[in-house]
Amino acid sequence: MSRQGSDAVVLVTGFPSLHARWMAREILTAESRAHVYALVPLAGSARAEAFRDALEPADRARLVFVEGAAASMDLGLSGAEFRQLTREVDRIHHVSQVSAGSIDRKAAFAANVAATSEIVEFARATSSLDRLVIHSTALVSGDRQGVVDEEDLAAGQAFRSDAEETRMLAETVARRAMRDVPIAVVRPTTLACDLDAGEDSLLDGRQLLVLVIVATPAETRS
């Protein structure tokens, strides 16, 4: 049962990452009667509040933060919170993940694979779920070349890091659950940031190169 007065109730994990913030803003902008719950760890609460404070008042009222962590049992929610959300939520955007190559395998497995398993179990407990959207990455294909089918995951490919390999394992968990959970897997491109809007993000070498090219006058690029 959706929240009274709302056409949709959406849960977004991964707050306050850039990807999760953009996802929440897009929902609030595109769906004027949508209510958004954002799962926020305690350490990210100040940053999340700063994001909400910058929204228009009408949008601010439709964004509610719930303290928790995607990799924790029951998402780190209390029993009452878990029951409330499973009754209200009808769409989930699972954005919580790590891709940094420097993270160790244990932490990468928890953040990617365990978190996906937990959100799938949460989805199973909901009473009126329309869709669980898993935000994955093309990096699940590792070093494979040529044509790769979207469901063709584990094929003995090599990965540059444990983070990339566990993203593949996480997507495998999601695809196996498609038999009884309405799941869609998307693989968005890499996000940089909107510097003019004061956004911040971890920029890797490829993103920095693109920013340099874009900022360089055309007559000096040759």
N, C-alpha and C. Protein backbone atom coordinates (compact mmCIF):
# COMPACT_ATOMS: atom_id res chain seq x y z
N MET A 1 0.85 -1.19 0.00
CA MET A 1 0.00 0.00 0.00
C MET A 1 0.89 1.24 0.00
N SER A 2 0.77 2.09 -1.03
CA SER A 2 1.59 3.29 -1.13
C SER A 2 1.21 4.29 -0.05
N ARG A 3 2.13 5.16 0.27
CA ARG A 3 1.91 6.22 1.26
C ARG A 3 0.74 7.09 0.83
N GLN A 4 -0.15 7.42 1.73
CA GLN A 4 -1.32 8.21 1.41
C GLN A 4 -0.93 9.55 0.80
N GLY A 5 -1.57 9.89 -0.32
CA GLY A 5 -1.29 11.14 -1.01
C GLY A 5 -0.17 11.07 -2.02
N SER A 6 0.43 9.89 -2.19
CA SER A 6 1.55 9.72 -3.13
C SER A 6 1.17 8.73 -4.23
N ASP A 7 1.64 9.03 -5.44
CA ASP A 7 1.45 8.10 -6.55
C ASP A 7 2.49 6.99 -6.53
N ALA A 8 3.64 7.26 -5.95
CA ALA A 8 4.72 6.27 -5.88
C ALA A 8 5.54 6.53 -4.63
N VAL A 9 6.03 5.44 -4.04
CA VAL A 9 6.93 5.54 -2.89
C VAL A 9 8.21 4.80 -3.27
N VAL A 10 9.31 5.53 -3.31
CA VAL A 10 10.57 5.01 -3.84
C VAL A 10 11.63 4.99 -2.74
N LEU A 11 12.34 3.88 -2.64
CA LEU A 11 13.48 3.76 -1.74
C LEU A 11 14.75 3.85 -2.55
N VAL A 12 15.65 4.74 -2.15
CA VAL A 12 16.95 4.90 -2.82
C VAL A 12 18.04 4.55 -1.83
N THR A 13 18.88 3.60 -2.17
CA THR A 13 20.03 3.27 -1.33
C THR A 13 21.26 4.02 -1.84
N GLY A 14 22.31 4.02 -1.02
CA GLY A 14 23.57 4.61 -1.48
C GLY A 14 23.77 6.07 -1.11
N PHE A 15 22.82 6.68 -0.41
CA PHE A 15 22.98 8.07 -0.01
C PHE A 15 24.14 8.21 0.96
N PRO A 16 24.90 9.31 0.90
CA PRO A 16 24.71 10.49 0.06
C PRO A 16 25.66 10.53 -1.14
N SER A 17 25.90 9.41 -1.80
CA SER A 17 26.78 9.39 -2.98
C SER A 17 26.20 10.28 -4.08
N LEU A 18 27.05 10.70 -5.01
CA LEU A 18 26.63 11.54 -6.13
C LEU A 18 25.53 10.85 -6.92
N HIS A 19 25.71 9.58 -7.22
CA HIS A 19 24.73 8.81 -8.00
C HIS A 19 23.38 8.80 -7.29
N ALA A 20 23.36 8.53 -6.00
CA ALA A 20 22.11 8.47 -5.26
C ALA A 20 21.45 9.84 -5.17
N ARG A 21 22.23 10.88 -4.99
CA ARG A 21 21.67 12.23 -4.92
C ARG A 21 21.03 12.62 -6.25
N TRP A 22 21.70 12.32 -7.35
CA TRP A 22 21.13 12.62 -8.66
C TRP A 22 19.87 11.80 -8.91
N MET A 23 19.86 10.55 -8.45
CA MET A 23 18.69 9.70 -8.64
C MET A 23 17.50 10.27 -7.88
N ALA A 24 17.72 10.66 -6.64
CA ALA A 24 16.64 11.23 -5.84
C ALA A 24 16.14 12.53 -6.46
N ARG A 25 17.05 13.37 -6.91
CA ARG A 25 16.63 14.64 -7.51
C ARG A 25 15.82 14.39 -8.78
N GLU A 26 16.21 13.43 -9.58
CA GLU A 26 15.48 13.12 -10.81
C GLU A 26 14.06 12.65 -10.50
N ILE A 27 13.91 11.79 -9.50
CA ILE A 27 12.58 11.30 -9.13
C ILE A 27 11.71 12.45 -8.64
N LEU A 28 12.25 13.28 -7.77
CA LEU A 28 11.48 14.39 -7.22
C LEU A 28 11.08 15.39 -8.30
N THR A 29 11.94 15.58 -9.30
CA THR A 29 11.65 16.52 -10.38
C THR A 29 10.64 15.96 -11.37
N ALA A 30 10.82 14.69 -11.73
CA ALA A 30 9.98 14.09 -12.76
C ALA A 30 8.62 13.62 -12.25
N GLU A 31 8.53 13.32 -10.94
CA GLU A 31 7.29 12.77 -10.39
C GLU A 31 6.84 13.64 -9.22
N SER A 32 5.95 14.56 -9.50
CA SER A 32 5.55 15.56 -8.51
C SER A 32 4.78 14.96 -7.33
N ARG A 33 4.27 13.73 -7.47
CA ARG A 33 3.54 13.11 -6.37
C ARG A 33 4.26 11.86 -5.84
N ALA A 34 5.54 11.80 -6.08
CA ALA A 34 6.34 10.69 -5.56
C ALA A 34 6.92 11.05 -4.20
N HIS A 35 6.99 10.05 -3.33
CA HIS A 35 7.60 10.21 -2.02
C HIS A 35 8.87 9.36 -2.01
N VAL A 36 9.99 9.94 -1.57
CA VAL A 36 11.28 9.25 -1.64
C VAL A 36 11.84 9.02 -0.24
N TYR A 37 12.14 7.77 0.05
CA TYR A 37 12.91 7.41 1.24
C TYR A 37 14.35 7.19 0.80
N ALA A 38 15.30 7.74 1.52
CA ALA A 38 16.72 7.53 1.22
C ALA A 38 17.38 6.85 2.40
N LEU A 39 18.06 5.75 2.13
CA LEU A 39 18.77 5.02 3.18
C LEU A 39 20.13 5.69 3.38
N VAL A 40 20.36 6.20 4.59
CA VAL A 40 21.56 7.00 4.86
C VAL A 40 22.30 6.44 6.08
N PRO A 41 23.58 6.12 5.95
CA PRO A 41 24.35 5.72 7.14
C PRO A 41 24.58 6.92 8.03
N LEU A 42 24.82 6.67 9.31
CA LEU A 42 24.99 7.76 10.27
C LEU A 42 26.10 8.71 9.83
N ALA A 43 27.18 8.16 9.29
CA ALA A 43 28.32 9.00 8.89
C ALA A 43 27.98 9.95 7.76
N GLY A 44 26.93 9.65 7.00
CA GLY A 44 26.58 10.50 5.86
C GLY A 44 25.42 11.44 6.13
N SER A 45 24.94 11.50 7.37
CA SER A 45 23.73 12.26 7.66
C SER A 45 23.90 13.76 7.42
N ALA A 46 25.04 14.34 7.79
CA ALA A 46 25.24 15.78 7.61
C ALA A 46 25.24 16.15 6.14
N ARG A 47 25.91 15.34 5.33
CA ARG A 47 25.96 15.61 3.89
C ARG A 47 24.59 15.44 3.26
N ALA A 48 23.84 14.44 3.72
CA ALA A 48 22.49 14.22 3.20
C ALA A 48 21.59 15.40 3.55
N GLU A 49 21.68 15.89 4.77
CA GLU A 49 20.86 17.02 5.20
C GLU A 49 21.19 18.26 4.38
N ALA A 50 22.45 18.46 4.06
CA ALA A 50 22.85 19.61 3.24
C ALA A 50 22.22 19.52 1.86
N PHE A 51 22.16 18.31 1.31
CA PHE A 51 21.52 18.12 0.01
C PHE A 51 20.04 18.46 0.09
N ARG A 52 19.36 17.96 1.12
CA ARG A 52 17.92 18.22 1.25
C ARG A 52 17.64 19.70 1.47
N ASP A 53 18.47 20.36 2.27
CA ASP A 53 18.27 21.79 2.55
C ASP A 53 18.33 22.63 1.28
N ALA A 54 19.05 22.15 0.25
CA ALA A 54 19.20 22.91 -0.99
C ALA A 54 18.03 22.71 -1.95
N LEU A 55 17.12 21.79 -1.64
CA LEU A 55 15.98 21.52 -2.51
C LEU A 55 14.90 22.58 -2.33
N GLU A 56 13.99 22.64 -3.31
CA GLU A 56 12.81 23.48 -3.17
C GLU A 56 11.97 22.94 -2.02
N PRO A 57 11.26 23.81 -1.29
CA PRO A 57 10.48 23.36 -0.14
C PRO A 57 9.54 22.20 -0.44
N ALA A 58 8.85 22.23 -1.58
CA ALA A 58 7.91 21.16 -1.92
C ALA A 58 8.64 19.83 -2.10
N ASP A 59 9.82 19.87 -2.69
CA ASP A 59 10.61 18.64 -2.89
C ASP A 59 11.22 18.19 -1.57
N ARG A 60 11.62 19.14 -0.75
CA ARG A 60 12.23 18.83 0.53
C ARG A 60 11.29 18.00 1.41
N ALA A 61 10.02 18.33 1.34
CA ALA A 61 9.03 17.65 2.17
C ALA A 61 8.78 16.21 1.73
N ARG A 62 9.15 15.91 0.47
CA ARG A 62 8.89 14.56 -0.06
C ARG A 62 10.12 13.65 0.03
N LEU A 63 11.19 14.13 0.62
CA LEU A 63 12.40 13.34 0.79
C LEU A 63 12.63 13.07 2.27
N VAL A 64 12.58 11.81 2.66
CA VAL A 64 12.74 11.42 4.06
C VAL A 64 13.95 10.51 4.20
N PHE A 65 14.81 10.82 5.14
CA PHE A 65 16.00 10.01 5.39
C PHE A 65 15.71 8.96 6.44
N VAL A 66 16.19 7.75 6.18
CA VAL A 66 16.07 6.64 7.12
C VAL A 66 17.48 6.14 7.41
N GLU A 67 17.87 6.14 8.67
CA GLU A 67 19.22 5.69 9.02
C GLU A 67 19.34 4.18 8.82
N GLY A 68 20.37 3.78 8.09
CA GLY A 68 20.59 2.37 7.84
C GLY A 68 21.76 2.15 6.90
N ALA A 69 22.02 0.91 6.56
CA ALA A 69 23.13 0.56 5.68
C ALA A 69 22.73 -0.63 4.83
N ALA A 70 22.93 -0.54 3.53
CA ALA A 70 22.46 -1.56 2.61
C ALA A 70 23.05 -2.94 2.90
N ALA A 71 24.28 -3.00 3.41
CA ALA A 71 24.93 -4.29 3.63
C ALA A 71 24.56 -4.93 4.97
N SER A 72 23.81 -4.20 5.81
CA SER A 72 23.43 -4.73 7.12
C SER A 72 22.16 -5.58 7.02
N MET A 73 21.99 -6.49 7.97
CA MET A 73 20.78 -7.30 8.00
C MET A 73 19.56 -6.39 8.11
N ASP A 74 18.55 -6.66 7.28
CA ASP A 74 17.33 -5.84 7.23
C ASP A 74 17.66 -4.38 6.96
N LEU A 75 18.76 -4.15 6.25
CA LEU A 75 19.22 -2.81 5.87
C LEU A 75 19.55 -1.94 7.08
N GLY A 76 19.74 -2.57 8.24
CA GLY A 76 20.05 -1.83 9.45
C GLY A 76 18.86 -1.10 10.03
N LEU A 77 17.65 -1.47 9.58
CA LEU A 77 16.43 -0.80 10.05
C LEU A 77 15.91 -1.46 11.32
N SER A 78 15.17 -0.70 12.10
CA SER A 78 14.47 -1.29 13.24
C SER A 78 13.31 -2.13 12.70
N GLY A 79 12.75 -2.98 13.55
CA GLY A 79 11.63 -3.81 13.11
C GLY A 79 10.46 -2.97 12.62
N ALA A 80 10.15 -1.89 13.33
CA ALA A 80 9.04 -1.01 12.95
C ALA A 80 9.31 -0.32 11.62
N GLU A 81 10.55 0.16 11.44
CA GLU A 81 10.90 0.81 10.18
C GLU A 81 10.82 -0.17 9.02
N PHE A 82 11.33 -1.38 9.23
CA PHE A 82 11.31 -2.39 8.17
C PHE A 82 9.87 -2.69 7.75
N ARG A 83 8.98 -2.89 8.72
CA ARG A 83 7.59 -3.21 8.40
C ARG A 83 6.90 -2.05 7.68
N GLN A 84 7.18 -0.83 8.13
CA GLN A 84 6.56 0.34 7.49
C GLN A 84 7.00 0.46 6.03
N LEU A 85 8.29 0.34 5.80
CA LEU A 85 8.79 0.50 4.43
C LEU A 85 8.32 -0.62 3.51
N THR A 86 8.29 -1.84 4.01
CA THR A 86 7.83 -2.94 3.14
C THR A 86 6.35 -2.80 2.81
N ARG A 87 5.59 -2.10 3.64
CA ARG A 87 4.18 -1.84 3.33
C ARG A 87 4.02 -0.71 2.32
N GLU A 88 4.93 0.29 2.37
CA GLU A 88 4.75 1.49 1.56
C GLU A 88 5.52 1.49 0.24
N VAL A 89 6.72 0.97 0.23
CA VAL A 89 7.59 1.10 -0.94
C VAL A 89 7.08 0.27 -2.11
N ASP A 90 6.99 0.90 -3.28
CA ASP A 90 6.62 0.16 -4.48
C ASP A 90 7.67 0.22 -5.58
N ARG A 91 8.78 0.95 -5.32
CA ARG A 91 9.90 0.95 -6.28
C ARG A 91 11.18 1.15 -5.49
N ILE A 92 12.23 0.49 -5.92
CA ILE A 92 13.54 0.60 -5.25
C ILE A 92 14.60 0.89 -6.30
N HIS A 93 15.45 1.85 -6.02
CA HIS A 93 16.65 2.08 -6.82
C HIS A 93 17.84 1.74 -5.93
N HIS A 94 18.48 0.60 -6.22
CA HIS A 94 19.62 0.17 -5.42
C HIS A 94 20.88 0.73 -6.05
N VAL A 95 21.35 1.83 -5.47
CA VAL A 95 22.51 2.56 -6.00
C VAL A 95 23.76 2.29 -5.16
N SER A 96 23.58 1.76 -3.97
CA SER A 96 24.70 1.52 -3.06
C SER A 96 25.71 0.56 -3.66
N GLN A 97 26.97 1.00 -3.77
CA GLN A 97 28.02 0.14 -4.32
C GLN A 97 29.37 0.83 -4.13
N VAL A 98 30.44 0.07 -4.32
CA VAL A 98 31.79 0.65 -4.35
C VAL A 98 32.50 0.17 -5.60
N SER A 99 33.27 1.05 -6.21
CA SER A 99 34.01 0.71 -7.42
C SER A 99 35.48 1.06 -7.33
N ALA A 100 35.89 1.71 -6.25
CA ALA A 100 37.29 2.13 -6.11
C ALA A 100 38.21 0.92 -6.11
N GLY A 101 39.20 0.94 -6.96
CA GLY A 101 40.11 -0.20 -7.09
C GLY A 101 40.95 -0.47 -5.87
N SER A 102 41.07 0.52 -4.98
CA SER A 102 41.93 0.37 -3.81
C SER A 102 41.27 -0.38 -2.65
N ILE A 103 39.96 -0.61 -2.71
CA ILE A 103 39.27 -1.24 -1.60
C ILE A 103 39.60 -2.72 -1.54
N ASP A 104 39.72 -3.28 -0.33
CA ASP A 104 40.09 -4.70 -0.20
C ASP A 104 38.89 -5.59 -0.49
N ARG A 105 39.15 -6.88 -0.72
CA ARG A 105 38.10 -7.79 -1.18
C ARG A 105 36.97 -7.95 -0.16
N LYS A 106 37.31 -8.03 1.12
CA LYS A 106 36.27 -8.22 2.13
C LYS A 106 35.30 -7.05 2.14
N ALA A 107 35.84 -5.84 2.10
CA ALA A 107 34.98 -4.65 2.10
C ALA A 107 34.19 -4.55 0.80
N ALA A 108 34.82 -4.89 -0.32
CA ALA A 108 34.13 -4.85 -1.60
C ALA A 108 33.00 -5.85 -1.65
N PHE A 109 33.23 -7.04 -1.11
CA PHE A 109 32.19 -8.08 -1.10
C PHE A 109 30.99 -7.62 -0.26
N ALA A 110 31.27 -7.02 0.90
CA ALA A 110 30.18 -6.55 1.76
C ALA A 110 29.39 -5.44 1.08
N ALA A 111 30.08 -4.47 0.51
CA ALA A 111 29.42 -3.31 -0.08
C ALA A 111 28.66 -3.65 -1.35
N ASN A 112 29.15 -4.61 -2.11
CA ASN A 112 28.53 -4.93 -3.39
C ASN A 112 27.64 -6.17 -3.33
N VAL A 113 28.19 -7.30 -2.94
CA VAL A 113 27.44 -8.56 -2.98
C VAL A 113 26.45 -8.66 -1.81
N ALA A 114 26.95 -8.45 -0.58
CA ALA A 114 26.07 -8.56 0.58
C ALA A 114 24.94 -7.53 0.52
N ALA A 115 25.26 -6.32 0.10
CA ALA A 115 24.24 -5.28 0.02
C ALA A 115 23.17 -5.63 -1.01
N THR A 116 23.57 -6.20 -2.12
CA THR A 116 22.59 -6.61 -3.13
C THR A 116 21.71 -7.73 -2.60
N SER A 117 22.30 -8.67 -1.89
CA SER A 117 21.51 -9.76 -1.30
C SER A 117 20.49 -9.21 -0.31
N GLU A 118 20.88 -8.24 0.49
CA GLU A 118 19.97 -7.66 1.48
C GLU A 118 18.83 -6.90 0.82
N ILE A 119 19.12 -6.15 -0.24
CA ILE A 119 18.05 -5.39 -0.89
C ILE A 119 17.09 -6.32 -1.62
N VAL A 120 17.60 -7.44 -2.13
CA VAL A 120 16.71 -8.44 -2.75
C VAL A 120 15.77 -9.03 -1.70
N GLU A 121 16.30 -9.33 -0.52
CA GLU A 121 15.45 -9.87 0.55
C GLU A 121 14.42 -8.83 1.01
N PHE A 122 14.82 -7.57 1.07
CA PHE A 122 13.86 -6.51 1.39
C PHE A 122 12.77 -6.46 0.34
N ALA A 123 13.16 -6.56 -0.93
CA ALA A 123 12.18 -6.53 -2.02
C ALA A 123 11.19 -7.68 -1.90
N ARG A 124 11.67 -8.85 -1.53
CA ARG A 124 10.79 -10.01 -1.36
C ARG A 124 9.74 -9.76 -0.26
N ALA A 125 10.11 -8.95 0.73
CA ALA A 125 9.22 -8.71 1.86
C ALA A 125 8.18 -7.63 1.58
N THR A 126 8.36 -6.85 0.51
CA THR A 126 7.42 -5.78 0.22
C THR A 126 6.08 -6.36 -0.24
N SER A 127 5.02 -5.61 -0.01
CA SER A 127 3.68 -6.11 -0.33
C SER A 127 3.18 -5.68 -1.70
N SER A 128 3.76 -4.64 -2.28
CA SER A 128 3.26 -4.16 -3.57
C SER A 128 4.38 -3.60 -4.44
N LEU A 129 5.45 -4.36 -4.57
CA LEU A 129 6.61 -3.87 -5.33
C LEU A 129 6.36 -3.92 -6.83
N ASP A 130 6.60 -2.79 -7.47
CA ASP A 130 6.50 -2.72 -8.93
C ASP A 130 7.83 -3.07 -9.58
N ARG A 131 8.94 -2.56 -9.01
CA ARG A 131 10.25 -2.82 -9.62
C ARG A 131 11.37 -2.55 -8.65
N LEU A 132 12.36 -3.43 -8.65
CA LEU A 132 13.64 -3.21 -8.00
C LEU A 132 14.65 -2.95 -9.10
N VAL A 133 15.21 -1.76 -9.13
CA VAL A 133 16.18 -1.39 -10.16
C VAL A 133 17.58 -1.49 -9.57
N ILE A 134 18.37 -2.39 -10.12
CA ILE A 134 19.75 -2.59 -9.69
C ILE A 134 20.66 -1.76 -10.59
N HIS A 135 21.39 -0.82 -10.03
CA HIS A 135 22.30 0.01 -10.81
C HIS A 135 23.67 -0.68 -10.83
N SER A 136 23.96 -1.29 -11.97
CA SER A 136 25.19 -2.06 -12.13
C SER A 136 26.18 -1.27 -12.99
N THR A 137 27.05 -1.96 -13.70
CA THR A 137 28.08 -1.30 -14.49
C THR A 137 28.54 -2.22 -15.62
N ALA A 138 29.00 -1.63 -16.71
CA ALA A 138 29.55 -2.41 -17.82
C ALA A 138 30.85 -3.09 -17.42
N LEU A 139 31.45 -2.67 -16.31
CA LEU A 139 32.70 -3.27 -15.85
C LEU A 139 32.52 -4.72 -15.40
N VAL A 140 31.27 -5.18 -15.30
CA VAL A 140 31.04 -6.59 -14.94
C VAL A 140 31.59 -7.53 -16.00
N SER A 141 31.85 -7.03 -17.20
CA SER A 141 32.40 -7.86 -18.27
C SER A 141 33.91 -8.02 -18.19
N GLY A 142 34.56 -7.30 -17.28
CA GLY A 142 36.00 -7.46 -17.10
C GLY A 142 36.77 -7.16 -18.37
N ASP A 143 37.71 -8.05 -18.71
CA ASP A 143 38.55 -7.82 -19.88
C ASP A 143 38.03 -8.51 -21.14
N ARG A 144 36.77 -8.93 -21.13
CA ARG A 144 36.21 -9.58 -22.31
C ARG A 144 36.15 -8.61 -23.48
N GLN A 145 36.26 -9.16 -24.68
CA GLN A 145 36.20 -8.34 -25.89
C GLN A 145 35.14 -8.90 -26.83
N GLY A 146 34.75 -8.09 -27.80
CA GLY A 146 33.74 -8.53 -28.76
C GLY A 146 32.34 -8.36 -28.21
N VAL A 147 31.41 -9.12 -28.80
CA VAL A 147 30.00 -9.02 -28.39
C VAL A 147 29.78 -9.81 -27.10
N VAL A 148 29.20 -9.16 -26.10
CA VAL A 148 28.92 -9.79 -24.81
C VAL A 148 27.44 -9.59 -24.51
N ASP A 149 26.69 -10.67 -24.39
CA ASP A 149 25.27 -10.57 -24.04
C ASP A 149 25.12 -10.04 -22.63
N GLU A 150 24.02 -9.30 -22.37
CA GLU A 150 23.87 -8.65 -21.08
C GLU A 150 23.74 -9.64 -19.93
N GLU A 151 23.24 -10.85 -20.19
CA GLU A 151 23.10 -11.83 -19.12
C GLU A 151 24.32 -12.75 -19.02
N ASP A 152 25.30 -12.54 -19.87
CA ASP A 152 26.50 -13.38 -19.91
C ASP A 152 27.54 -12.79 -18.97
N LEU A 153 27.54 -13.24 -17.73
CA LEU A 153 28.38 -12.61 -16.72
C LEU A 153 29.68 -13.37 -16.45
N ALA A 154 29.61 -14.45 -15.68
CA ALA A 154 30.82 -15.19 -15.30
C ALA A 154 31.29 -16.05 -16.46
N ALA A 155 32.38 -15.64 -17.09
CA ALA A 155 32.91 -16.37 -18.24
C ALA A 155 34.42 -16.52 -18.13
N GLY A 156 34.95 -16.51 -16.92
CA GLY A 156 36.38 -16.66 -16.72
C GLY A 156 37.17 -15.40 -17.02
N GLN A 157 36.49 -14.26 -17.15
CA GLN A 157 37.20 -13.02 -17.46
C GLN A 157 38.01 -12.52 -16.27
N ALA A 158 39.02 -11.73 -16.56
CA ALA A 158 39.84 -11.13 -15.51
C ALA A 158 39.32 -9.74 -15.20
N PHE A 159 39.58 -9.28 -13.97
CA PHE A 159 39.14 -7.96 -13.54
C PHE A 159 40.34 -7.17 -13.02
N ARG A 160 40.22 -5.86 -13.09
CA ARG A 160 41.31 -5.01 -12.63
C ARG A 160 41.35 -4.89 -11.11
N SER A 161 40.25 -5.24 -10.45
CA SER A 161 40.21 -5.07 -9.00
C SER A 161 39.13 -5.97 -8.40
N ASP A 162 39.21 -6.14 -7.09
CA ASP A 162 38.16 -6.89 -6.38
C ASP A 162 36.83 -6.16 -6.45
N ALA A 163 36.87 -4.84 -6.48
CA ALA A 163 35.64 -4.06 -6.56
C ALA A 163 34.89 -4.39 -7.84
N GLU A 164 35.60 -4.45 -8.97
CA GLU A 164 34.94 -4.75 -10.23
C GLU A 164 34.40 -6.18 -10.24
N GLU A 165 35.17 -7.12 -9.72
CA GLU A 165 34.71 -8.51 -9.71
C GLU A 165 33.47 -8.67 -8.83
N THR A 166 33.45 -8.00 -7.69
CA THR A 166 32.29 -8.14 -6.81
C THR A 166 31.07 -7.41 -7.37
N ARG A 167 31.26 -6.43 -8.24
CA ARG A 167 30.11 -5.84 -8.92
C ARG A 167 29.47 -6.89 -9.84
N MET A 168 30.31 -7.72 -10.48
CA MET A 168 29.80 -8.81 -11.31
C MET A 168 29.05 -9.83 -10.47
N LEU A 169 29.62 -10.18 -9.33
CA LEU A 169 28.96 -11.15 -8.43
C LEU A 169 27.64 -10.59 -7.91
N ALA A 170 27.60 -9.31 -7.65
CA ALA A 170 26.37 -8.68 -7.17
C ALA A 170 25.29 -8.74 -8.24
N GLU A 171 25.65 -8.47 -9.48
CA GLU A 171 24.65 -8.54 -10.55
C GLU A 171 24.18 -9.98 -10.74
N THR A 172 25.06 -10.93 -10.53
CA THR A 172 24.66 -12.34 -10.61
C THR A 172 23.59 -12.66 -9.58
N VAL A 173 23.76 -12.16 -8.36
CA VAL A 173 22.76 -12.35 -7.31
C VAL A 173 21.42 -11.79 -7.76
N ALA A 174 21.43 -10.59 -8.33
CA ALA A 174 20.20 -9.94 -8.77
C ALA A 174 19.52 -10.72 -9.88
N ARG A 175 20.29 -11.19 -10.85
CA ARG A 175 19.69 -11.90 -11.98
C ARG A 175 19.11 -13.25 -11.55
N ARG A 176 19.71 -13.90 -10.60
CA ARG A 176 19.15 -15.15 -10.10
C ARG A 176 17.81 -14.91 -9.40
N ALA A 177 17.67 -13.76 -8.78
CA ALA A 177 16.43 -13.45 -8.06
C ALA A 177 15.30 -13.02 -8.99
N MET A 178 15.58 -12.80 -10.27
CA MET A 178 14.56 -12.37 -11.21
C MET A 178 13.42 -13.38 -11.36
N ARG A 179 13.65 -14.62 -10.91
CA ARG A 179 12.61 -15.64 -11.03
C ARG A 179 11.40 -15.32 -10.17
N ASP A 180 11.61 -14.60 -9.06
CA ASP A 180 10.48 -14.31 -8.18
C ASP A 180 10.41 -12.87 -7.70
N VAL A 181 11.29 -12.02 -8.20
CA VAL A 181 11.28 -10.60 -7.83
C VAL A 181 11.33 -9.78 -9.12
N PRO A 182 10.47 -8.74 -9.25
CA PRO A 182 10.50 -7.91 -10.45
C PRO A 182 11.73 -7.00 -10.46
N ILE A 183 12.79 -7.44 -11.11
CA ILE A 183 14.08 -6.75 -11.09
C ILE A 183 14.45 -6.27 -12.49
N ALA A 184 14.96 -5.06 -12.56
CA ALA A 184 15.56 -4.53 -13.78
C ALA A 184 17.00 -4.15 -13.48
N VAL A 185 17.92 -4.56 -14.33
CA VAL A 185 19.33 -4.21 -14.16
C VAL A 185 19.69 -3.15 -15.18
N VAL A 186 20.25 -2.05 -14.71
CA VAL A 186 20.71 -0.98 -15.60
C VAL A 186 22.20 -0.79 -15.38
N ARG A 187 22.88 -0.34 -16.42
CA ARG A 187 24.32 -0.11 -16.33
C ARG A 187 24.62 1.30 -16.80
N PRO A 188 24.39 2.29 -15.92
CA PRO A 188 24.62 3.69 -16.30
C PRO A 188 26.09 3.96 -16.53
N THR A 189 26.35 4.99 -17.30
CA THR A 189 27.72 5.36 -17.57
C THR A 189 28.36 5.97 -16.33
N THR A 190 29.65 6.22 -16.38
CA THR A 190 30.36 6.81 -15.25
C THR A 190 29.90 8.25 -15.03
N LEU A 191 29.64 8.60 -13.79
CA LEU A 191 29.24 9.96 -13.45
C LEU A 191 30.47 10.76 -13.04
N ALA A 192 30.56 11.97 -13.54
CA ALA A 192 31.60 12.88 -13.08
C ALA A 192 30.95 13.80 -12.07
N CYS A 193 30.93 15.11 -12.29
CA CYS A 193 30.23 16.00 -11.38
C CYS A 193 29.95 17.31 -12.07
N ASP A 194 29.01 18.05 -11.52
CA ASP A 194 28.66 19.38 -12.01
C ASP A 194 29.39 20.39 -11.14
N LEU A 195 30.54 20.85 -11.61
CA LEU A 195 31.37 21.73 -10.81
C LEU A 195 30.68 23.07 -10.55
N ASP A 196 29.90 23.55 -11.54
CA ASP A 196 29.21 24.82 -11.37
C ASP A 196 28.17 24.75 -10.28
N ALA A 197 27.60 23.54 -10.07
CA ALA A 197 26.57 23.38 -9.05
C ALA A 197 27.16 23.02 -7.70
N GLY A 198 28.49 22.96 -7.63
CA GLY A 198 29.14 22.65 -6.37
C GLY A 198 29.15 21.17 -6.04
N GLU A 199 28.87 20.31 -7.03
CA GLU A 199 28.89 18.87 -6.78
C GLU A 199 30.33 18.42 -6.59
N ASP A 200 30.49 17.36 -5.83
CA ASP A 200 31.82 16.79 -5.67
C ASP A 200 31.72 15.29 -5.80
N SER A 201 32.79 14.70 -6.30
CA SER A 201 32.81 13.26 -6.51
C SER A 201 34.25 12.81 -6.63
N LEU A 202 34.47 11.51 -6.55
CA LEU A 202 35.80 10.96 -6.73
C LEU A 202 36.06 10.82 -8.22
N LEU A 203 36.97 11.62 -8.75
CA LEU A 203 37.27 11.58 -10.17
C LEU A 203 38.46 10.68 -10.42
N ASP A 204 38.30 9.74 -11.37
CA ASP A 204 39.43 8.89 -11.72
C ASP A 204 40.16 9.50 -12.91
N GLY A 205 41.21 8.83 -13.36
CA GLY A 205 42.04 9.37 -14.43
C GLY A 205 41.28 9.66 -15.71
N ARG A 206 40.34 8.77 -16.08
CA ARG A 206 39.59 8.95 -17.31
C ARG A 206 38.69 10.17 -17.22
N GLN A 207 38.04 10.37 -16.07
CA GLN A 207 37.17 11.53 -15.91
C GLN A 207 37.96 12.82 -15.94
N LEU A 208 39.11 12.83 -15.29
CA LEU A 208 39.94 14.03 -15.30
C LEU A 208 40.39 14.36 -16.71
N LEU A 209 40.71 13.34 -17.50
CA LEU A 209 41.13 13.57 -18.88
C LEU A 209 39.99 14.21 -19.68
N VAL A 210 38.77 13.70 -19.50
CA VAL A 210 37.62 14.26 -20.20
C VAL A 210 37.40 15.71 -19.81
N LEU A 211 37.50 16.00 -18.51
CA LEU A 211 37.31 17.38 -18.04
C LEU A 211 38.37 18.31 -18.63
N VAL A 212 39.60 17.83 -18.73
CA VAL A 212 40.67 18.64 -19.31
C VAL A 212 40.38 18.93 -20.78
N ILE A 213 39.94 17.89 -21.53
CA ILE A 213 39.64 18.06 -22.95
C ILE A 213 38.51 19.05 -23.15
N VAL A 214 37.45 18.92 -22.34
CA VAL A 214 36.30 19.81 -22.46
C VAL A 214 36.68 21.24 -22.15
N ALA A 215 37.57 21.43 -21.17
CA ALA A 215 37.94 22.78 -20.73
C ALA A 215 38.99 23.44 -21.64
N THR A 216 39.63 22.65 -22.50
CA THR A 216 40.71 23.18 -23.33
C THR A 216 40.12 23.80 -24.60
N PRO A 217 40.48 25.04 -24.94
CA PRO A 217 39.98 25.67 -26.17
C PRO A 217 40.29 24.82 -27.38
N ALA A 218 39.37 24.76 -28.34
CA ALA A 218 39.51 23.88 -29.50
C ALA A 218 40.79 24.16 -30.27
N GLU A 219 41.18 25.46 -30.37
CA GLU A 219 42.36 25.79 -31.19
C GLU A 219 43.66 25.31 -30.56
N THR A 220 43.65 24.91 -29.30
CA THR A 220 44.90 24.45 -28.65
C THR A 220 44.96 22.93 -28.53
N ARG A 221 43.93 22.19 -29.02
CA ARG A 221 43.91 20.75 -28.84
C ARG A 221 44.77 20.00 -29.84
N SER A 222 45.10 20.62 -30.97
CA SER A 222 45.84 19.92 -32.01
C SER A 222 47.33 19.87 -31.66
